[in-house]
Amino acid sequence: MVIRLNEIVEISLRSIYVNTFATALASFIAIPFALVVDFWKSKFKNVVVLIFQSLMGIPPVLVGLLVFLLFSRSGPFGGLDILFSSTAMIIAQVLIAFPIVFSVCYSHFSRTDEKLKLIVKTLGASNLQAAATIVRESLPGVISAVLTAFGRVAGEVGAVMIVGGNIAGRTRVLTTAIVLYTNLGKFKEAIFAGLCLLAIAIGVNLIATFISFRWR
């Protein structure tokens, strides 16, 4: 049982690393992009928003297939040799999380009171300062976007299975471990891994709630 517990701990730590890094990277790109689109005055603005809103519902297994084709030996980026690694899993999860963070954040940014934006501009604020004000006013929505994306990638199986391969000691995460244990009839291990995944999700939500409460 000690060996099995060590294995679960290793898988849990890898899951936290992959999921957290992917969500953080996607948020780091998507939140500023949502702000840019919110300030953007163009007839193509609604088209861009519609595209990313549609991508929220893309099957993750298709994202995994796309990443696999891009980084396979015969793919355009096959020379990087990152397939079946944590890096490939992170890339796939970033592609899954990005449209979620963008769409939810943009929804909140676009609903920010126009009077607030006008007041900030009247006071001589730069575009960067105005954007920071909008983010502060929309912080609960931003946190909700990040949590939604984290929940999506944390529970992902298909994409990470395709690009990661569920290799023991290298790319096995909690979701793929649960599938493996269940197929092998190791239900105790599967339940324990599921509880670890649930604990991680609850822990992340509690941290985000605390940050939001302290900010307010």
Protein backbone atom coordinates (compact mmCIF):
# COMPACT_ATOMS: atom_id res chain seq x y z
CA MET A 1 0.00 0.00 0.00
CA VAL A 2 2.98 2.34 0.58
CA ILE A 3 4.12 1.85 -3.01
CA ARG A 4 0.60 2.49 -4.28
CA LEU A 5 0.30 5.59 -2.10
CA ASN A 6 3.61 6.91 -3.44
CA GLU A 7 2.33 6.35 -6.96
CA ILE A 8 -0.88 8.26 -6.24
CA VAL A 9 1.08 11.14 -4.71
CA GLU A 10 3.36 11.29 -7.76
CA ILE A 11 0.37 11.26 -10.13
CA SER A 12 -1.42 13.91 -8.07
CA LEU A 13 1.60 16.24 -8.10
CA ARG A 14 1.93 15.80 -11.86
CA SER A 15 -1.77 16.54 -12.30
CA ILE A 16 -1.50 19.72 -10.22
CA TYR A 17 1.53 20.85 -12.22
CA VAL A 18 0.05 20.17 -15.66
CA ASN A 19 -3.43 21.51 -14.93
CA THR A 20 -2.26 24.59 -13.03
CA PHE A 21 0.44 25.53 -15.53
CA ALA A 22 -1.90 25.06 -18.50
CA THR A 23 -4.67 27.12 -16.89
CA ALA A 24 -2.26 29.87 -15.84
CA LEU A 25 -0.69 30.08 -19.30
CA ALA A 26 -4.07 30.14 -21.04
CA SER A 27 -5.30 32.84 -18.63
CA PHE A 28 -2.13 34.90 -19.07
CA ILE A 29 -2.84 35.07 -22.81
CA ALA A 30 -6.65 35.03 -22.87
CA ILE A 31 -7.40 37.76 -20.30
CA PRO A 32 -5.36 40.51 -22.03
CA PHE A 33 -6.73 39.34 -25.39
CA ALA A 34 -10.29 39.65 -24.07
CA LEU A 35 -9.50 43.19 -22.92
CA VAL A 36 -8.07 44.09 -26.34
CA VAL A 37 -11.17 42.76 -28.07
CA ASP A 38 -13.40 44.64 -25.62
CA PHE A 39 -11.65 47.94 -26.52
CA TRP A 40 -11.50 47.03 -30.20
CA LYS A 41 -13.81 49.08 -32.40
CA SER A 42 -14.27 46.99 -35.52
CA LYS A 43 -17.03 45.30 -37.49
CA PHE A 44 -15.08 42.03 -37.13
CA LYS A 45 -15.25 42.16 -33.33
CA ASN A 46 -18.43 40.10 -33.06
CA VAL A 47 -17.02 37.54 -35.50
CA VAL A 48 -13.93 37.03 -33.32
CA VAL A 49 -16.06 36.68 -30.19
CA LEU A 50 -18.40 34.21 -31.92
CA ILE A 51 -15.48 32.07 -33.07
CA PHE A 52 -14.03 31.72 -29.58
CA GLN A 53 -17.44 31.17 -28.02
CA SER A 54 -17.98 28.34 -30.49
CA LEU A 55 -14.59 26.85 -29.65
CA MET A 56 -15.70 26.52 -26.02
CA GLY A 57 -17.71 23.49 -27.07
CA ILE A 58 -15.05 21.79 -29.20
CA PRO A 59 -14.57 18.13 -28.20
CA PRO A 60 -11.26 17.91 -26.30
CA VAL A 61 -10.40 14.67 -28.10
CA LEU A 62 -10.23 16.66 -31.35
CA VAL A 63 -7.80 19.07 -29.69
CA GLY A 64 -5.70 16.09 -28.66
CA LEU A 65 -5.76 14.77 -32.21
CA LEU A 66 -4.71 18.17 -33.58
CA VAL A 67 -1.78 18.45 -31.17
CA PHE A 68 -0.79 14.85 -31.94
CA LEU A 69 -0.73 15.54 -35.69
CA LEU A 70 1.25 18.76 -35.21
CA PHE A 71 3.95 17.18 -33.04
CA SER A 72 4.09 13.66 -34.45
CA ARG A 73 7.21 12.54 -36.34
CA SER A 74 5.60 13.41 -39.70
CA GLY A 75 4.02 16.63 -38.39
CA PRO A 76 5.32 20.19 -38.93
CA PHE A 77 6.71 20.35 -35.38
CA GLY A 78 7.82 16.74 -35.08
CA GLY A 79 11.44 17.82 -34.71
CA LEU A 80 10.68 19.24 -31.26
CA ASP A 81 10.13 15.69 -29.98
CA ILE A 82 7.68 16.67 -27.24
CA LEU A 83 4.93 14.17 -27.95
CA PHE A 84 4.11 11.86 -25.02
CA SER A 85 5.40 14.37 -22.49
CA SER A 86 3.94 16.78 -19.96
CA THR A 87 4.70 19.62 -22.38
CA ALA A 88 2.42 18.14 -25.04
CA MET A 89 -0.33 17.68 -22.43
CA ILE A 90 0.03 21.31 -21.34
CA ILE A 91 -0.22 22.53 -24.94
CA ALA A 92 -3.41 20.53 -25.48
CA GLN A 93 -4.93 21.82 -22.25
CA VAL A 94 -4.00 25.43 -23.09
CA LEU A 95 -5.91 25.09 -26.36
CA ILE A 96 -8.90 23.76 -24.43
CA ALA A 97 -8.77 26.41 -21.68
CA PHE A 98 -8.06 29.47 -23.84
CA PRO A 99 -11.52 29.92 -25.46
CA ILE A 100 -13.20 29.34 -22.09
CA VAL A 101 -11.19 32.02 -20.28
CA PHE A 102 -11.51 34.43 -23.20
CA SER A 103 -15.27 34.03 -23.64
CA VAL A 104 -16.20 34.26 -19.96
CA CYS A 105 -13.86 37.21 -19.33
CA TYR A 106 -15.06 39.07 -22.40
CA SER A 107 -18.65 38.56 -21.30
CA HIS A 108 -17.89 40.27 -17.98
CA PHE A 109 -15.68 42.98 -19.48
CA SER A 110 -18.33 43.92 -22.04
CA ARG A 111 -20.95 44.29 -19.30
CA THR A 112 -18.82 46.75 -17.31
CA ASP A 113 -20.72 50.02 -16.89
CA GLU A 114 -19.91 52.31 -19.80
CA LYS A 115 -20.12 55.25 -17.39
CA LEU A 116 -17.17 53.81 -15.49
CA LYS A 117 -15.13 53.54 -18.67
CA LEU A 118 -16.05 57.12 -19.58
CA ILE A 119 -15.13 58.45 -16.12
CA VAL A 120 -11.76 56.69 -16.20
CA LYS A 121 -11.04 58.15 -19.63
CA THR A 122 -12.20 61.62 -18.51
CA LEU A 123 -9.78 61.51 -15.58
CA GLY A 124 -6.96 61.11 -18.09
CA ALA A 125 -6.26 57.42 -17.58
CA SER A 126 -4.28 55.62 -20.24
CA ASN A 127 -5.67 52.56 -22.01
CA LEU A 128 -3.57 50.37 -19.71
CA GLN A 129 -4.99 52.04 -16.60
CA ALA A 130 -8.51 51.81 -17.98
CA ALA A 131 -7.99 48.11 -18.68
CA ALA A 132 -6.70 47.56 -15.13
CA THR A 133 -9.81 49.27 -13.75
CA ILE A 134 -12.08 47.02 -15.80
CA VAL A 135 -10.24 43.93 -14.58
CA ARG A 136 -10.60 45.05 -10.95
CA GLU A 137 -14.32 45.66 -11.40
CA SER A 138 -14.74 42.30 -13.13
CA LEU A 139 -12.48 40.28 -10.82
CA PRO A 140 -15.18 37.82 -9.66
CA GLY A 141 -15.96 37.09 -13.30
CA VAL A 142 -12.26 36.66 -14.12
CA ILE A 143 -11.85 34.22 -11.24
CA SER A 144 -14.94 32.36 -12.40
CA ALA A 145 -13.44 32.10 -15.89
CA VAL A 146 -10.16 30.70 -14.56
CA LEU A 147 -11.94 28.21 -12.30
CA THR A 148 -14.18 27.05 -15.13
CA ALA A 149 -11.15 26.48 -17.34
CA PHE A 150 -9.28 24.68 -14.55
CA GLY A 151 -12.25 22.40 -13.94
CA ARG A 152 -12.44 21.59 -17.64
CA VAL A 153 -8.76 20.68 -18.04
CA ALA A 154 -8.53 18.93 -14.67
CA GLY A 155 -11.27 16.52 -15.70
CA GLU A 156 -9.93 15.95 -19.22
CA VAL A 157 -9.11 12.41 -20.32
CA GLY A 158 -9.24 12.08 -24.10
CA ALA A 159 -6.81 14.83 -25.12
CA VAL A 160 -4.17 14.02 -22.49
CA MET A 161 -4.47 10.31 -23.26
CA ILE A 162 -3.75 10.93 -26.96
CA VAL A 163 -0.80 13.32 -26.56
CA GLY A 164 0.50 11.96 -23.26
CA GLY A 165 0.03 8.23 -23.69
CA ASN A 166 -0.66 7.61 -19.98
CA ILE A 167 2.95 6.55 -19.41
CA ALA A 168 3.72 5.52 -15.82
CA GLY A 169 6.18 7.88 -14.16
CA ARG A 170 6.02 10.38 -17.06
CA THR A 171 2.57 11.40 -18.27
CA ARG A 172 0.06 9.58 -16.10
CA VAL A 173 -2.33 12.00 -14.38
CA LEU A 174 -5.28 11.43 -12.09
CA THR A 175 -7.94 11.24 -14.80
CA THR A 176 -6.05 8.73 -16.92
CA ALA A 177 -5.06 6.80 -13.80
CA ILE A 178 -8.72 6.49 -12.81
CA VAL A 179 -9.55 5.04 -16.24
CA LEU A 180 -6.62 2.62 -16.03
CA TYR A 181 -7.39 1.46 -12.49
CA THR A 182 -11.05 0.97 -13.37
CA ASN A 183 -10.19 -1.10 -16.46
CA LEU A 184 -7.84 -3.24 -14.36
CA GLY A 185 -10.51 -3.76 -11.71
CA LYS A 186 -8.51 -1.85 -9.08
CA PHE A 187 -11.50 0.02 -7.76
CA LYS A 188 -9.96 1.05 -4.43
CA GLU A 189 -7.11 2.80 -6.23
CA ALA A 190 -9.55 4.34 -8.69
CA ILE A 191 -11.73 5.71 -5.87
CA PHE A 192 -8.70 7.04 -4.01
CA ALA A 193 -7.44 8.77 -7.16
CA GLY A 194 -10.91 10.21 -7.67
CA LEU A 195 -10.94 11.57 -4.13
CA CYS A 196 -7.53 13.17 -4.73
CA LEU A 197 -8.86 14.83 -7.88
CA LEU A 198 -11.90 16.07 -5.97
CA ALA A 199 -9.70 17.40 -3.16
CA ILE A 200 -7.56 19.32 -5.66
CA ALA A 201 -10.65 20.86 -7.28
CA ILE A 202 -12.08 21.89 -3.90
CA GLY A 203 -8.73 23.27 -2.78
CA VAL A 204 -8.38 25.43 -5.89
CA ASN A 205 -11.92 26.75 -5.47
CA LEU A 206 -11.29 27.61 -1.81
CA ILE A 207 -8.09 29.47 -2.68
CA ALA A 208 -9.86 31.41 -5.44
CA THR A 209 -12.76 32.25 -3.13
CA PHE A 210 -10.35 33.48 -0.46
CA ILE A 211 -8.52 35.67 -2.98
CA SER A 212 -11.80 37.13 -4.22
CA PHE A 213 -13.00 37.79 -0.67
CA ARG A 214 -9.74 39.47 0.34
CA TRP A 215 -9.79 41.59 -2.81
CA ARG A 216 -13.28 42.85 -2.03
